[in-house]
Protein backbone atom coordinates (compact mmCIF):
# COMPACT_ATOMS: atom_id res chain seq x y z
CA THR A 1 1.45 16.03 -14.03
CA MET A 2 3.55 13.24 -15.48
CA VAL A 3 5.49 12.84 -12.21
CA ASN A 4 2.25 12.69 -10.22
CA LYS A 5 0.78 10.11 -12.61
CA ALA A 6 3.88 7.95 -12.26
CA ARG A 7 3.77 8.16 -8.46
CA LYS A 8 0.05 7.40 -8.35
CA SER A 9 0.54 4.43 -10.66
CA LYS A 10 3.34 3.08 -8.44
CA TYR A 11 1.11 3.45 -5.36
CA ARG A 12 -1.83 1.69 -7.03
CA ASN A 13 0.40 -1.16 -8.20
CA ALA A 14 1.72 -1.61 -4.66
CA ILE A 15 -1.82 -1.89 -3.31
CA LYS A 16 -2.79 -4.33 -6.07
CA LYS A 17 0.24 -6.49 -5.30
CA MET A 18 -0.66 -6.56 -1.61
CA ASN A 19 -4.27 -7.48 -2.42
CA LEU A 20 -3.05 -10.37 -4.59
CA LEU A 21 -0.87 -11.61 -1.72
CA LEU A 22 -3.83 -11.39 0.67
CA GLU A 23 -6.17 -13.20 -1.73
CA GLY A 24 -3.58 -15.94 -2.12
CA LYS A 25 -3.33 -16.17 1.68
CA LYS A 26 0.46 -15.69 1.55
CA LYS A 27 0.93 -14.26 5.01
CA THR A 28 4.74 -14.37 5.18
CA GLU A 29 5.12 -12.63 1.81
CA ALA A 30 2.49 -10.06 2.78
CA LEU A 31 4.36 -9.32 6.02
CA LYS A 32 7.59 -8.85 4.07
CA PHE A 33 5.87 -6.52 1.59
CA LEU A 34 4.07 -4.45 4.27
CA PRO A 35 6.99 -2.06 5.07
CA LYS A 36 7.50 -1.42 1.35
CA LEU A 37 3.79 -0.70 0.90
CA ASN A 38 3.80 1.60 3.93
CA SER A 39 6.81 3.46 2.57
CA GLU A 40 5.21 3.83 -0.86
CA LEU A 41 1.96 5.15 0.60
CA MET A 42 3.70 7.65 2.85
CA LYS A 43 5.84 8.95 -0.04
CA VAL A 44 2.70 9.55 -2.09
CA ALA A 45 0.96 11.18 0.89
CA LYS A 46 3.96 13.40 1.57
CA SER A 47 3.91 14.71 -1.99
CA GLY A 48 0.17 15.48 -1.72
CA ILE A 49 -1.11 12.99 -4.29
CA ILE A 50 -3.29 11.36 -1.63
CA LYS A 51 -4.07 12.59 1.85
CA LYS A 52 -2.12 11.32 4.83
CA ALA A 53 -5.28 9.94 6.43
CA ASN A 54 -6.01 7.98 3.25
CA ALA A 55 -2.55 6.38 3.36
CA SER A 56 -2.87 5.58 7.06
CA ARG A 57 -6.32 4.07 6.52
CA ASN A 58 -5.01 1.84 3.73
CA VAL A 59 -2.10 0.61 5.86
CA SER A 60 -4.43 -0.01 8.78
CA ARG A 61 -6.88 -2.05 6.70
CA VAL A 62 -4.13 -4.11 5.11
CA THR A 63 -2.55 -4.80 8.51
CA LYS A 64 -5.93 -5.95 9.83
CA LYS A 65 -6.36 -8.30 6.86
CA ILE A 66 -2.87 -9.76 7.38
CA ALA A 67 -3.61 -10.37 11.05
CA ALA A 68 -6.84 -12.15 10.10
CA LEU A 69 -4.98 -14.65 7.87
């Protein structure tokens, strides 16, 4: 349980950081952070904390938002 909580917290923090970058319209920083976010989401999905489709959906939405900047 503690391991899962730590992983989930790390994943949520990564998403929050990306959202802050997007709100600040920092496209270059967001593009640099995207692979790290993707990696974090897939690690969490692989361990079963979130579903793989959920991780893919999050990455897709973030990528769309970056492209719109």
